[in-house]
Amino acid sequence: MTASVPRPSPQPPPSARTAVAVQRDDGVPSRAMGALVSGQLPPLPPALVAAFVTGVLLSIGVAGSDDLAVFAPAVVLLLAGPGSSHPHDGRLDWLVPPILRLTEYGFTTAVGFAHGVPPWLVFALLGAVAFHHYDVVHRVRERLRPPPWLAAAGLGWDGRMPLVALGAATGWETPVFALLALYLWALFGWESLTYWTPAPRPREGRSGRGTSR
């Protein structure tokens, strides 16, 4: 008699609207702000406004500042935080996660290059975050969900951006990028490996996406 391999417990499949909300990758600050409005704030308008203002700030060189001004894009993007509790069931609400992703990636890249962080280290940090986002998307497609603690442990976009800004403001941008990249690769890599290794494979003969058992 062989020992059974532990498998991820079945979870209820997320609906289309909850799948969008899962992909936001909100941290503790955004979830707290979302709890205050109880899902009454539509998520797309504030995300668009915040992304636009952040883009303007980056275009005028705020990312190269070595004082508190470098925090401005991260603070502005928090306007999208209260929308975290919305069900994201609007026709265009699927745009919110890509808007948050592009804004975070753009801010991180702009700060890193403006402050002389080695390009490979900038891309190492971006790679860790992008790996996590792709992993979450793949789980949603397989009708699974990431564990609820993962977004908080990964700091969320609203935690990572202020840390990048803090490194730039204190002159410790390279150590901050290095430590953040190491931490996120270790966290997301370990969690993904332990999650997917025992996961059952899709059955042969089924059309479309595999069904977990």
N, C-alpha and C. Protein backbone atom coordinates (compact mmCIF):
# COMPACT_ATOMS: atom_id res chain seq x y z
N MET A 1 0.85 -1.20 0.00
CA MET A 1 0.00 0.00 0.00
C MET A 1 0.88 1.24 0.00
N THR A 2 0.73 2.09 -0.96
CA THR A 2 1.60 3.26 -1.09
C THR A 2 0.97 4.47 -0.40
N ALA A 3 1.84 5.32 0.09
CA ALA A 3 1.36 6.53 0.77
C ALA A 3 0.81 7.50 -0.26
N SER A 4 -0.28 8.12 0.07
CA SER A 4 -0.89 9.07 -0.85
C SER A 4 -0.15 10.40 -0.80
N VAL A 5 -0.07 11.04 -1.94
CA VAL A 5 0.59 12.34 -2.05
C VAL A 5 -0.42 13.42 -1.70
N PRO A 6 -0.06 14.34 -0.78
CA PRO A 6 -1.02 15.41 -0.43
C PRO A 6 -1.31 16.29 -1.62
N ARG A 7 -2.53 16.64 -1.79
CA ARG A 7 -2.96 17.47 -2.91
C ARG A 7 -3.68 18.70 -2.38
N PRO A 8 -3.65 19.79 -3.16
CA PRO A 8 -4.38 20.98 -2.73
C PRO A 8 -5.86 20.68 -2.59
N SER A 9 -6.45 21.17 -1.51
CA SER A 9 -7.87 20.92 -1.29
C SER A 9 -8.70 21.64 -2.34
N PRO A 10 -9.78 21.01 -2.82
CA PRO A 10 -10.63 21.67 -3.81
C PRO A 10 -11.20 22.95 -3.25
N GLN A 11 -11.29 23.96 -4.11
CA GLN A 11 -11.85 25.23 -3.71
C GLN A 11 -12.97 25.59 -4.66
N PRO A 12 -13.94 26.33 -4.19
CA PRO A 12 -15.04 26.70 -5.08
C PRO A 12 -14.53 27.55 -6.22
N PRO A 13 -14.95 27.26 -7.45
CA PRO A 13 -14.46 28.03 -8.58
C PRO A 13 -14.90 29.47 -8.49
N PRO A 14 -13.95 30.44 -8.71
CA PRO A 14 -14.34 31.83 -8.66
C PRO A 14 -15.15 32.21 -9.87
N SER A 15 -16.11 33.11 -9.69
CA SER A 15 -16.85 33.61 -10.83
C SER A 15 -15.99 34.57 -11.61
N ALA A 16 -16.51 35.01 -12.76
CA ALA A 16 -15.72 35.91 -13.59
C ALA A 16 -15.38 37.19 -12.85
N ARG A 17 -16.31 37.72 -12.06
CA ARG A 17 -16.07 38.99 -11.39
C ARG A 17 -15.09 38.83 -10.24
N THR A 18 -15.17 37.75 -9.46
CA THR A 18 -14.23 37.57 -8.38
C THR A 18 -12.84 37.25 -8.91
N ALA A 19 -12.75 36.63 -10.07
CA ALA A 19 -11.45 36.35 -10.67
C ALA A 19 -10.71 37.64 -10.96
N VAL A 20 -11.41 38.67 -11.39
CA VAL A 20 -10.79 39.96 -11.66
C VAL A 20 -10.27 40.57 -10.37
N ALA A 21 -11.07 40.52 -9.33
CA ALA A 21 -10.66 41.11 -8.05
C ALA A 21 -9.44 40.39 -7.48
N VAL A 22 -9.36 39.08 -7.65
CA VAL A 22 -8.23 38.31 -7.14
C VAL A 22 -6.93 38.77 -7.80
N GLN A 23 -6.99 39.15 -9.05
CA GLN A 23 -5.79 39.52 -9.79
C GLN A 23 -5.30 40.93 -9.50
N ARG A 24 -5.98 41.68 -8.66
CA ARG A 24 -5.53 43.03 -8.30
C ARG A 24 -4.22 43.00 -7.51
N ASP A 25 -4.02 41.98 -6.71
CA ASP A 25 -2.83 41.86 -5.86
C ASP A 25 -2.75 43.01 -4.85
N ASP A 26 -3.86 43.27 -4.18
CA ASP A 26 -3.89 44.33 -3.16
C ASP A 26 -3.18 43.89 -1.90
N GLY A 27 -2.50 44.84 -1.27
CA GLY A 27 -1.89 44.61 0.02
C GLY A 27 -2.81 45.04 1.15
N VAL A 28 -2.26 45.09 2.34
CA VAL A 28 -3.06 45.44 3.52
C VAL A 28 -3.66 46.84 3.43
N PRO A 29 -2.90 47.87 3.00
CA PRO A 29 -3.50 49.22 2.97
C PRO A 29 -4.73 49.31 2.07
N SER A 30 -4.65 48.75 0.86
CA SER A 30 -5.79 48.82 -0.05
C SER A 30 -6.98 48.04 0.46
N ARG A 31 -6.73 46.89 1.05
CA ARG A 31 -7.84 46.10 1.58
C ARG A 31 -8.52 46.80 2.75
N ALA A 32 -7.71 47.50 3.54
CA ALA A 32 -8.30 48.25 4.65
C ALA A 32 -9.16 49.39 4.13
N MET A 33 -8.68 50.09 3.11
CA MET A 33 -9.47 51.18 2.53
C MET A 33 -10.73 50.64 1.86
N GLY A 34 -10.61 49.47 1.23
CA GLY A 34 -11.78 48.87 0.60
C GLY A 34 -12.83 48.48 1.61
N ALA A 35 -12.40 48.04 2.79
CA ALA A 35 -13.35 47.66 3.83
C ALA A 35 -14.15 48.85 4.32
N LEU A 36 -13.56 50.03 4.24
CA LEU A 36 -14.25 51.23 4.73
C LEU A 36 -15.44 51.61 3.85
N VAL A 37 -15.33 51.33 2.54
CA VAL A 37 -16.41 51.72 1.62
C VAL A 37 -17.32 50.55 1.28
N SER A 38 -16.99 49.36 1.77
CA SER A 38 -17.86 48.18 1.63
C SER A 38 -18.28 47.90 0.19
N GLY A 39 -17.36 48.07 -0.75
CA GLY A 39 -17.64 47.73 -2.14
C GLY A 39 -18.52 48.70 -2.88
N GLN A 40 -18.75 49.88 -2.34
CA GLN A 40 -19.66 50.84 -2.97
C GLN A 40 -18.95 51.72 -4.01
N LEU A 41 -17.63 51.70 -4.05
CA LEU A 41 -16.89 52.54 -4.99
C LEU A 41 -16.50 51.74 -6.22
N PRO A 42 -16.93 52.16 -7.42
CA PRO A 42 -16.52 51.47 -8.65
C PRO A 42 -15.00 51.50 -8.79
N PRO A 43 -14.38 50.40 -9.18
CA PRO A 43 -12.92 50.35 -9.15
C PRO A 43 -12.21 51.02 -10.32
N LEU A 44 -12.86 51.10 -11.47
CA LEU A 44 -12.15 51.58 -12.66
C LEU A 44 -11.85 53.08 -12.66
N PRO A 45 -12.81 53.97 -12.37
CA PRO A 45 -12.50 55.41 -12.43
C PRO A 45 -11.34 55.84 -11.55
N PRO A 46 -11.30 55.47 -10.26
CA PRO A 46 -10.15 55.89 -9.45
C PRO A 46 -8.83 55.29 -9.93
N ALA A 47 -8.87 54.06 -10.46
CA ALA A 47 -7.64 53.45 -10.97
C ALA A 47 -7.13 54.21 -12.19
N LEU A 48 -8.04 54.62 -13.07
CA LEU A 48 -7.65 55.39 -14.24
C LEU A 48 -7.07 56.75 -13.86
N VAL A 49 -7.73 57.43 -12.94
CA VAL A 49 -7.25 58.75 -12.50
C VAL A 49 -5.88 58.62 -11.84
N ALA A 50 -5.74 57.64 -10.95
CA ALA A 50 -4.47 57.45 -10.26
C ALA A 50 -3.35 57.10 -11.23
N ALA A 51 -3.63 56.23 -12.20
CA ALA A 51 -2.61 55.85 -13.17
C ALA A 51 -2.21 57.04 -14.04
N PHE A 52 -3.19 57.87 -14.42
CA PHE A 52 -2.90 59.04 -15.25
C PHE A 52 -2.02 60.03 -14.49
N VAL A 53 -2.38 60.33 -13.25
CA VAL A 53 -1.60 61.28 -12.47
C VAL A 53 -0.20 60.72 -12.19
N THR A 54 -0.12 59.43 -11.92
CA THR A 54 1.19 58.81 -11.71
C THR A 54 2.05 58.93 -12.96
N GLY A 55 1.44 58.69 -14.13
CA GLY A 55 2.18 58.83 -15.37
C GLY A 55 2.69 60.25 -15.58
N VAL A 56 1.87 61.23 -15.25
CA VAL A 56 2.31 62.63 -15.36
C VAL A 56 3.48 62.91 -14.43
N LEU A 57 3.39 62.43 -13.20
CA LEU A 57 4.47 62.64 -12.24
C LEU A 57 5.77 61.99 -12.71
N LEU A 58 5.67 60.80 -13.27
CA LEU A 58 6.88 60.13 -13.76
C LEU A 58 7.45 60.85 -14.97
N SER A 59 6.58 61.41 -15.81
CA SER A 59 7.05 62.09 -17.01
C SER A 59 7.80 63.38 -16.69
N ILE A 60 7.52 64.01 -15.54
CA ILE A 60 8.22 65.24 -15.18
C ILE A 60 9.43 64.96 -14.29
N GLY A 61 9.76 63.68 -14.11
CA GLY A 61 11.00 63.33 -13.44
C GLY A 61 10.93 63.12 -11.94
N VAL A 62 9.73 62.90 -11.40
CA VAL A 62 9.61 62.70 -9.96
C VAL A 62 10.37 61.46 -9.50
N ALA A 63 10.46 60.46 -10.37
CA ALA A 63 11.14 59.22 -9.98
C ALA A 63 12.62 59.45 -9.66
N GLY A 64 13.20 60.50 -10.20
CA GLY A 64 14.61 60.77 -9.94
C GLY A 64 14.86 61.58 -8.68
N SER A 65 13.81 61.96 -7.96
CA SER A 65 13.97 62.75 -6.74
C SER A 65 14.60 61.91 -5.64
N ASP A 66 15.34 62.59 -4.77
CA ASP A 66 15.93 61.90 -3.63
C ASP A 66 15.35 62.43 -2.31
N ASP A 67 14.13 62.94 -2.39
CA ASP A 67 13.44 63.41 -1.19
C ASP A 67 12.03 62.82 -1.17
N LEU A 68 11.15 63.40 -0.37
CA LEU A 68 9.82 62.84 -0.21
C LEU A 68 8.98 62.90 -1.49
N ALA A 69 9.39 63.70 -2.46
CA ALA A 69 8.63 63.80 -3.71
C ALA A 69 8.55 62.47 -4.44
N VAL A 70 9.53 61.59 -4.22
CA VAL A 70 9.54 60.30 -4.91
C VAL A 70 8.39 59.41 -4.44
N PHE A 71 7.82 59.72 -3.28
CA PHE A 71 6.68 58.95 -2.79
C PHE A 71 5.37 59.32 -3.48
N ALA A 72 5.35 60.44 -4.18
CA ALA A 72 4.10 60.95 -4.73
C ALA A 72 3.37 59.94 -5.62
N PRO A 73 4.05 59.28 -6.58
CA PRO A 73 3.31 58.31 -7.41
C PRO A 73 2.70 57.17 -6.61
N ALA A 74 3.43 56.68 -5.60
CA ALA A 74 2.91 55.58 -4.79
C ALA A 74 1.70 56.04 -3.98
N VAL A 75 1.75 57.28 -3.48
CA VAL A 75 0.63 57.81 -2.70
C VAL A 75 -0.58 58.04 -3.60
N VAL A 76 -0.34 58.59 -4.80
CA VAL A 76 -1.44 58.86 -5.73
C VAL A 76 -2.15 57.57 -6.13
N LEU A 77 -1.39 56.51 -6.37
CA LEU A 77 -2.00 55.26 -6.80
C LEU A 77 -2.89 54.66 -5.72
N LEU A 78 -2.69 55.08 -4.48
CA LEU A 78 -3.55 54.59 -3.40
C LEU A 78 -5.00 55.02 -3.59
N LEU A 79 -5.25 55.96 -4.51
CA LEU A 79 -6.63 56.31 -4.84
C LEU A 79 -7.40 55.09 -5.34
N ALA A 80 -6.67 54.13 -5.91
CA ALA A 80 -7.32 52.91 -6.40
C ALA A 80 -7.61 51.93 -5.28
N GLY A 81 -7.07 52.17 -4.09
CA GLY A 81 -7.24 51.23 -2.99
C GLY A 81 -8.67 50.98 -2.56
N PRO A 82 -9.50 52.01 -2.37
CA PRO A 82 -10.87 51.77 -1.91
C PRO A 82 -11.69 50.89 -2.85
N GLY A 83 -11.31 50.81 -4.12
CA GLY A 83 -12.04 49.96 -5.05
C GLY A 83 -11.77 48.48 -4.87
N SER A 84 -10.87 48.12 -3.96
CA SER A 84 -10.49 46.71 -3.80
C SER A 84 -11.64 45.82 -3.36
N SER A 85 -12.60 46.37 -2.64
CA SER A 85 -13.70 45.55 -2.12
C SER A 85 -14.87 45.44 -3.09
N HIS A 86 -14.79 46.12 -4.22
CA HIS A 86 -15.87 46.04 -5.21
C HIS A 86 -15.84 44.67 -5.90
N PRO A 87 -16.98 44.13 -6.28
CA PRO A 87 -16.98 42.82 -6.95
C PRO A 87 -16.37 42.81 -8.34
N HIS A 88 -16.08 43.98 -8.91
CA HIS A 88 -15.46 44.06 -10.24
C HIS A 88 -16.30 43.34 -11.29
N ASP A 89 -17.58 43.65 -11.29
CA ASP A 89 -18.49 43.02 -12.23
C ASP A 89 -18.92 43.97 -13.34
N GLY A 90 -18.28 45.11 -13.44
CA GLY A 90 -18.59 46.04 -14.53
C GLY A 90 -18.02 45.55 -15.85
N ARG A 91 -18.54 46.07 -16.94
CA ARG A 91 -18.12 45.61 -18.27
C ARG A 91 -16.64 45.83 -18.51
N LEU A 92 -16.08 46.91 -17.98
CA LEU A 92 -14.68 47.22 -18.22
C LEU A 92 -13.81 47.09 -16.97
N ASP A 93 -14.34 46.50 -15.92
CA ASP A 93 -13.57 46.38 -14.68
C ASP A 93 -12.37 45.44 -14.82
N TRP A 94 -12.36 44.62 -15.86
CA TRP A 94 -11.21 43.74 -16.09
C TRP A 94 -9.95 44.54 -16.40
N LEU A 95 -10.11 45.83 -16.72
CA LEU A 95 -8.95 46.67 -17.01
C LEU A 95 -8.18 47.07 -15.75
N VAL A 96 -8.79 46.95 -14.58
CA VAL A 96 -8.16 47.44 -13.36
C VAL A 96 -6.85 46.72 -13.05
N PRO A 97 -6.79 45.36 -13.02
CA PRO A 97 -5.50 44.72 -12.74
C PRO A 97 -4.39 45.12 -13.72
N PRO A 98 -4.62 45.14 -15.06
CA PRO A 98 -3.54 45.59 -15.94
C PRO A 98 -3.09 47.02 -15.67
N ILE A 99 -4.03 47.90 -15.32
CA ILE A 99 -3.65 49.29 -15.00
C ILE A 99 -2.73 49.33 -13.78
N LEU A 100 -3.08 48.58 -12.75
CA LEU A 100 -2.24 48.53 -11.55
C LEU A 100 -0.88 47.92 -11.86
N ARG A 101 -0.88 46.85 -12.68
CA ARG A 101 0.39 46.21 -13.03
C ARG A 101 1.31 47.18 -13.78
N LEU A 102 0.81 47.81 -14.83
CA LEU A 102 1.63 48.69 -15.65
C LEU A 102 2.14 49.88 -14.84
N THR A 103 1.31 50.40 -13.95
CA THR A 103 1.73 51.53 -13.14
C THR A 103 2.84 51.13 -12.18
N GLU A 104 2.69 49.98 -11.54
CA GLU A 104 3.74 49.52 -10.62
C GLU A 104 5.04 49.24 -11.37
N TYR A 105 4.94 48.52 -12.49
CA TYR A 105 6.15 48.21 -13.26
C TYR A 105 6.83 49.49 -13.75
N GLY A 106 6.03 50.44 -14.24
CA GLY A 106 6.60 51.68 -14.74
C GLY A 106 7.28 52.48 -13.65
N PHE A 107 6.66 52.54 -12.48
CA PHE A 107 7.25 53.27 -11.36
C PHE A 107 8.55 52.62 -10.91
N THR A 108 8.54 51.31 -10.74
CA THR A 108 9.74 50.60 -10.29
C THR A 108 10.88 50.77 -11.29
N THR A 109 10.57 50.65 -12.57
CA THR A 109 11.60 50.83 -13.60
C THR A 109 12.15 52.24 -13.60
N ALA A 110 11.26 53.23 -13.53
CA ALA A 110 11.69 54.63 -13.57
C ALA A 110 12.57 54.97 -12.37
N VAL A 111 12.18 54.53 -11.18
CA VAL A 111 12.98 54.81 -9.98
C VAL A 111 14.34 54.11 -10.07
N GLY A 112 14.32 52.85 -10.46
CA GLY A 112 15.58 52.11 -10.54
C GLY A 112 16.57 52.73 -11.51
N PHE A 113 16.13 53.05 -12.71
CA PHE A 113 17.03 53.61 -13.71
C PHE A 113 17.45 55.03 -13.33
N ALA A 114 16.53 55.83 -12.76
CA ALA A 114 16.86 57.21 -12.41
C ALA A 114 17.88 57.27 -11.27
N HIS A 115 17.93 56.25 -10.44
CA HIS A 115 18.84 56.26 -9.29
C HIS A 115 20.03 55.33 -9.47
N GLY A 116 20.27 54.90 -10.68
CA GLY A 116 21.48 54.14 -10.96
C GLY A 116 21.51 52.72 -10.44
N VAL A 117 20.34 52.13 -10.19
CA VAL A 117 20.30 50.73 -9.80
C VAL A 117 20.72 49.88 -11.00
N PRO A 118 21.58 48.88 -10.82
CA PRO A 118 21.99 48.04 -11.95
C PRO A 118 20.77 47.48 -12.68
N PRO A 119 20.76 47.57 -14.02
CA PRO A 119 19.58 47.11 -14.77
C PRO A 119 19.18 45.68 -14.46
N TRP A 120 20.17 44.79 -14.27
CA TRP A 120 19.83 43.40 -14.00
C TRP A 120 19.07 43.27 -12.69
N LEU A 121 19.38 44.16 -11.72
CA LEU A 121 18.69 44.10 -10.45
C LEU A 121 17.27 44.65 -10.56
N VAL A 122 17.10 45.68 -11.39
CA VAL A 122 15.76 46.19 -11.65
C VAL A 122 14.88 45.11 -12.26
N PHE A 123 15.44 44.40 -13.26
CA PHE A 123 14.67 43.36 -13.92
C PHE A 123 14.48 42.13 -13.03
N ALA A 124 15.40 41.91 -12.09
CA ALA A 124 15.21 40.81 -11.15
C ALA A 124 14.00 41.07 -10.26
N LEU A 125 13.86 42.32 -9.80
CA LEU A 125 12.70 42.66 -8.97
C LEU A 125 11.41 42.61 -9.79
N LEU A 126 11.45 43.18 -10.98
CA LEU A 126 10.27 43.12 -11.84
C LEU A 126 9.90 41.68 -12.18
N GLY A 127 10.92 40.84 -12.38
CA GLY A 127 10.67 39.45 -12.72
C GLY A 127 9.97 38.70 -11.61
N ALA A 128 10.35 38.98 -10.36
CA ALA A 128 9.69 38.32 -9.23
C ALA A 128 8.22 38.70 -9.15
N VAL A 129 7.93 39.99 -9.34
CA VAL A 129 6.55 40.45 -9.28
C VAL A 129 5.75 39.91 -10.46
N ALA A 130 6.34 39.95 -11.65
CA ALA A 130 5.65 39.44 -12.84
C ALA A 130 5.39 37.94 -12.73
N PHE A 131 6.35 37.21 -12.17
CA PHE A 131 6.16 35.76 -11.97
C PHE A 131 4.94 35.50 -11.07
N HIS A 132 4.83 36.28 -10.01
CA HIS A 132 3.69 36.13 -9.10
C HIS A 132 2.38 36.44 -9.81
N HIS A 133 2.36 37.51 -10.58
CA HIS A 133 1.13 37.88 -11.27
C HIS A 133 0.73 36.82 -12.30
N TYR A 134 1.70 36.28 -13.02
CA TYR A 134 1.39 35.22 -13.98
C TYR A 134 0.88 33.98 -13.26
N ASP A 135 1.48 33.67 -12.12
CA ASP A 135 1.05 32.50 -11.35
C ASP A 135 -0.40 32.63 -10.90
N VAL A 136 -0.76 33.83 -10.45
CA VAL A 136 -2.14 34.06 -10.01
C VAL A 136 -3.11 33.93 -11.19
N VAL A 137 -2.74 34.49 -12.33
CA VAL A 137 -3.58 34.39 -13.53
C VAL A 137 -3.78 32.93 -13.91
N HIS A 138 -2.71 32.13 -13.85
CA HIS A 138 -2.82 30.72 -14.22
C HIS A 138 -3.72 29.97 -13.24
N ARG A 139 -3.65 30.29 -11.97
CA ARG A 139 -4.52 29.63 -11.00
C ARG A 139 -5.99 29.96 -11.26
N VAL A 140 -6.25 31.22 -11.58
CA VAL A 140 -7.62 31.61 -11.88
C VAL A 140 -8.13 30.86 -13.10
N ARG A 141 -7.29 30.70 -14.10
CA ARG A 141 -7.70 29.96 -15.30
C ARG A 141 -7.98 28.50 -14.99
N GLU A 142 -7.27 27.96 -14.01
CA GLU A 142 -7.50 26.58 -13.60
C GLU A 142 -8.60 26.46 -12.54
N ARG A 143 -9.31 27.60 -12.31
CA ARG A 143 -10.41 27.63 -11.36
C ARG A 143 -9.95 27.34 -9.94
N LEU A 144 -8.78 27.87 -9.61
CA LEU A 144 -8.23 27.78 -8.26
C LEU A 144 -7.96 29.20 -7.77
N ARG A 145 -7.58 29.31 -6.51
CA ARG A 145 -7.27 30.61 -5.95
C ARG A 145 -5.97 30.55 -5.16
N PRO A 146 -5.19 31.62 -5.15
CA PRO A 146 -4.00 31.64 -4.28
C PRO A 146 -4.43 31.70 -2.83
N PRO A 147 -3.60 31.26 -1.91
CA PRO A 147 -3.96 31.34 -0.49
C PRO A 147 -4.18 32.79 -0.07
N PRO A 148 -5.09 33.04 0.85
CA PRO A 148 -5.43 34.42 1.20
C PRO A 148 -4.29 35.22 1.80
N TRP A 149 -3.29 34.53 2.39
CA TRP A 149 -2.19 35.25 3.03
C TRP A 149 -1.12 35.69 2.04
N LEU A 150 -1.16 35.18 0.81
CA LEU A 150 -0.04 35.41 -0.11
C LEU A 150 0.09 36.87 -0.52
N ALA A 151 -1.03 37.52 -0.81
CA ALA A 151 -0.96 38.93 -1.23
C ALA A 151 -0.37 39.81 -0.14
N ALA A 152 -0.77 39.55 1.11
CA ALA A 152 -0.24 40.34 2.22
C ALA A 152 1.24 40.06 2.43
N ALA A 153 1.63 38.78 2.36
CA ALA A 153 3.04 38.43 2.53
C ALA A 153 3.89 39.01 1.40
N GLY A 154 3.31 39.07 0.20
CA GLY A 154 4.02 39.65 -0.93
C GLY A 154 3.95 41.16 -0.96
N LEU A 155 3.34 41.76 0.05
CA LEU A 155 3.29 43.22 0.28
C LEU A 155 2.28 43.93 -0.61
N GLY A 156 1.85 43.33 -1.71
CA GLY A 156 0.91 43.99 -2.60
C GLY A 156 1.58 45.14 -3.34
N TRP A 157 0.93 45.61 -4.39
CA TRP A 157 1.49 46.75 -5.13
C TRP A 157 1.58 47.98 -4.24
N ASP A 158 0.66 48.10 -3.28
CA ASP A 158 0.63 49.25 -2.40
C ASP A 158 1.64 49.17 -1.27
N GLY A 159 2.33 48.06 -1.15
CA GLY A 159 3.43 47.92 -0.20
C GLY A 159 4.78 47.97 -0.88
N ARG A 160 4.86 47.37 -2.06
CA ARG A 160 6.14 47.34 -2.78
C ARG A 160 6.55 48.72 -3.29
N MET A 161 5.58 49.49 -3.81
CA MET A 161 5.92 50.81 -4.36
C MET A 161 6.46 51.76 -3.29
N PRO A 162 5.85 51.88 -2.12
CA PRO A 162 6.45 52.73 -1.09
C PRO A 162 7.83 52.27 -0.65
N LEU A 163 8.09 50.96 -0.64
CA LEU A 163 9.42 50.48 -0.27
C LEU A 163 10.45 50.91 -1.31
N VAL A 164 10.09 50.82 -2.60
CA VAL A 164 10.99 51.29 -3.66
C VAL A 164 11.26 52.78 -3.49
N ALA A 165 10.21 53.55 -3.20
CA ALA A 165 10.36 54.99 -2.98
C ALA A 165 11.23 55.27 -1.76
N LEU A 166 11.07 54.48 -0.70
CA LEU A 166 11.86 54.66 0.51
C LEU A 166 13.36 54.46 0.22
N GLY A 167 13.65 53.45 -0.57
CA GLY A 167 15.04 53.22 -0.94
C GLY A 167 15.63 54.40 -1.69
N ALA A 168 14.85 54.97 -2.61
CA ALA A 168 15.32 56.12 -3.38
C ALA A 168 15.49 57.35 -2.49
N ALA A 169 14.58 57.56 -1.56
CA ALA A 169 14.63 58.75 -0.70
C ALA A 169 15.77 58.70 0.30
N THR A 170 16.17 57.50 0.70
CA THR A 170 17.23 57.36 1.70
C THR A 170 18.60 57.11 1.09
N GLY A 171 18.66 56.96 -0.23
CA GLY A 171 19.95 56.67 -0.86
C GLY A 171 20.35 55.21 -0.80
N TRP A 172 19.44 54.35 -0.39
CA TRP A 172 19.70 52.92 -0.27
C TRP A 172 18.93 52.14 -1.33
N GLU A 173 18.80 52.77 -2.51
CA GLU A 173 17.96 52.14 -3.53
C GLU A 173 18.46 50.77 -3.97
N THR A 174 19.78 50.62 -4.16
CA THR A 174 20.29 49.32 -4.61
C THR A 174 20.10 48.23 -3.56
N PRO A 175 20.45 48.45 -2.28
CA PRO A 175 20.16 47.42 -1.28
C PRO A 175 18.67 47.09 -1.15
N VAL A 176 17.83 48.11 -1.24
CA VAL A 176 16.39 47.86 -1.14
C VAL A 176 15.91 47.01 -2.31
N PHE A 177 16.34 47.33 -3.52
CA PHE A 177 15.97 46.54 -4.69
C PHE A 177 16.46 45.11 -4.52
N ALA A 178 17.69 44.94 -4.04
CA ALA A 178 18.26 43.60 -3.89
C ALA A 178 17.51 42.78 -2.84
N LEU A 179 17.27 43.37 -1.68
CA LEU A 179 16.58 42.65 -0.61
C LEU A 179 15.15 42.33 -1.00
N LEU A 180 14.48 43.29 -1.65
CA LEU A 180 13.10 43.05 -2.05
C LEU A 180 13.02 41.95 -3.11
N ALA A 181 13.95 41.98 -4.06
CA ALA A 181 13.96 40.94 -5.10
C ALA A 181 14.22 39.56 -4.49
N LEU A 182 15.18 39.46 -3.59
CA LEU A 182 15.48 38.18 -2.95
C LEU A 182 14.28 37.67 -2.15
N TYR A 183 13.67 38.56 -1.39
CA TYR A 183 12.53 38.16 -0.57
C TYR A 183 11.36 37.68 -1.44
N LEU A 184 11.04 38.44 -2.48
CA LEU A 184 9.88 38.09 -3.31
C LEU A 184 10.13 36.83 -4.12
N TRP A 185 11.35 36.66 -4.66
CA TRP A 185 11.64 35.42 -5.39
C TRP A 185 11.54 34.21 -4.45
N ALA A 186 12.08 34.36 -3.23
CA ALA A 186 12.01 33.25 -2.28
C ALA A 186 10.57 32.94 -1.90
N LEU A 187 9.79 33.98 -1.62
CA LEU A 187 8.40 33.78 -1.22
C LEU A 187 7.55 33.20 -2.34
N PHE A 188 7.54 33.89 -3.48
CA PHE A 188 6.68 33.46 -4.58
C PHE A 188 7.16 32.15 -5.19
N GLY A 189 8.47 31.98 -5.29
CA GLY A 189 9.00 30.73 -5.85
C GLY A 189 8.68 29.54 -4.97
N TRP A 190 8.91 29.69 -3.65
CA TRP A 190 8.62 28.58 -2.73
C TRP A 190 7.14 28.26 -2.71
N GLU A 191 6.30 29.30 -2.60
CA GLU A 191 4.86 29.05 -2.52
C GLU A 191 4.34 28.40 -3.79
N SER A 192 4.81 28.87 -4.95
CA SER A 192 4.35 28.30 -6.21
C SER A 192 4.81 26.85 -6.35
N LEU A 193 6.05 26.59 -5.97
CA LEU A 193 6.59 25.22 -6.08
C LEU A 193 5.82 24.26 -5.18
N THR A 194 5.58 24.66 -3.94
CA THR A 194 4.88 23.77 -3.03
C THR A 194 3.40 23.63 -3.39
N TYR A 195 2.86 24.61 -4.09
CA TYR A 195 1.45 24.55 -4.47
C TYR A 195 1.24 23.67 -5.70
N TRP A 196 2.07 23.87 -6.72
CA TRP A 196 1.84 23.20 -7.99
C TRP A 196 2.45 21.80 -8.08
N THR A 197 3.49 21.52 -7.28
CA THR A 197 4.13 20.20 -7.37
C THR A 197 3.15 19.06 -7.08
N PRO A 198 2.34 19.13 -6.02
CA PRO A 198 1.38 18.04 -5.79
C PRO A 198 0.06 18.22 -6.53
N ALA A 199 -0.07 19.26 -7.30
CA ALA A 199 -1.36 19.52 -7.95
C ALA A 199 -1.65 18.46 -9.00
N PRO A 200 -2.89 17.97 -9.09
CA PRO A 200 -3.25 16.98 -10.11
C PRO A 200 -3.20 17.57 -11.50
N ARG A 201 -2.87 16.73 -12.48
CA ARG A 201 -2.81 17.15 -13.87
C ARG A 201 -4.20 17.05 -14.50
N PRO A 202 -4.48 17.87 -15.52
CA PRO A 202 -5.77 17.76 -16.22
C PRO A 202 -5.93 16.38 -16.85
N ARG A 203 -7.13 15.85 -16.82
CA ARG A 203 -7.39 14.53 -17.41
C ARG A 203 -7.36 14.61 -18.92
N GLU A 204 -6.86 13.54 -19.51
CA GLU A 204 -6.83 13.46 -20.97
C GLU A 204 -8.23 13.33 -21.52
N GLY A 205 -8.43 13.89 -22.70
CA GLY A 205 -9.72 13.74 -23.38
C GLY A 205 -10.70 14.83 -23.07
N ARG A 206 -10.33 15.74 -22.12
CA ARG A 206 -11.24 16.84 -21.82
C ARG A 206 -10.87 18.04 -22.66
N SER A 207 -11.85 18.68 -23.20
CA SER A 207 -11.60 19.87 -24.00
C SER A 207 -11.55 21.07 -23.10
N GLY A 208 -10.82 22.12 -23.55
CA GLY A 208 -10.75 23.36 -22.79
C GLY A 208 -9.78 23.21 -21.64
N ARG A 209 -10.00 23.98 -20.55
CA ARG A 209 -9.10 23.99 -19.42
C ARG A 209 -9.28 22.74 -18.59
N GLY A 210 -8.16 22.36 -17.91
CA GLY A 210 -8.22 21.19 -17.06
C GLY A 210 -9.07 21.44 -15.84
N THR A 211 -9.60 20.38 -15.29
CA THR A 211 -10.44 20.48 -14.10
C THR A 211 -9.70 19.85 -12.94
N SER A 212 -9.54 20.59 -11.85
CA SER A 212 -8.82 20.07 -10.69
C SER A 212 -9.72 19.12 -9.91
N ARG A 213 -9.07 18.15 -9.27
CA ARG A 213 -9.79 17.17 -8.46
C ARG A 213 -9.27 17.22 -7.04
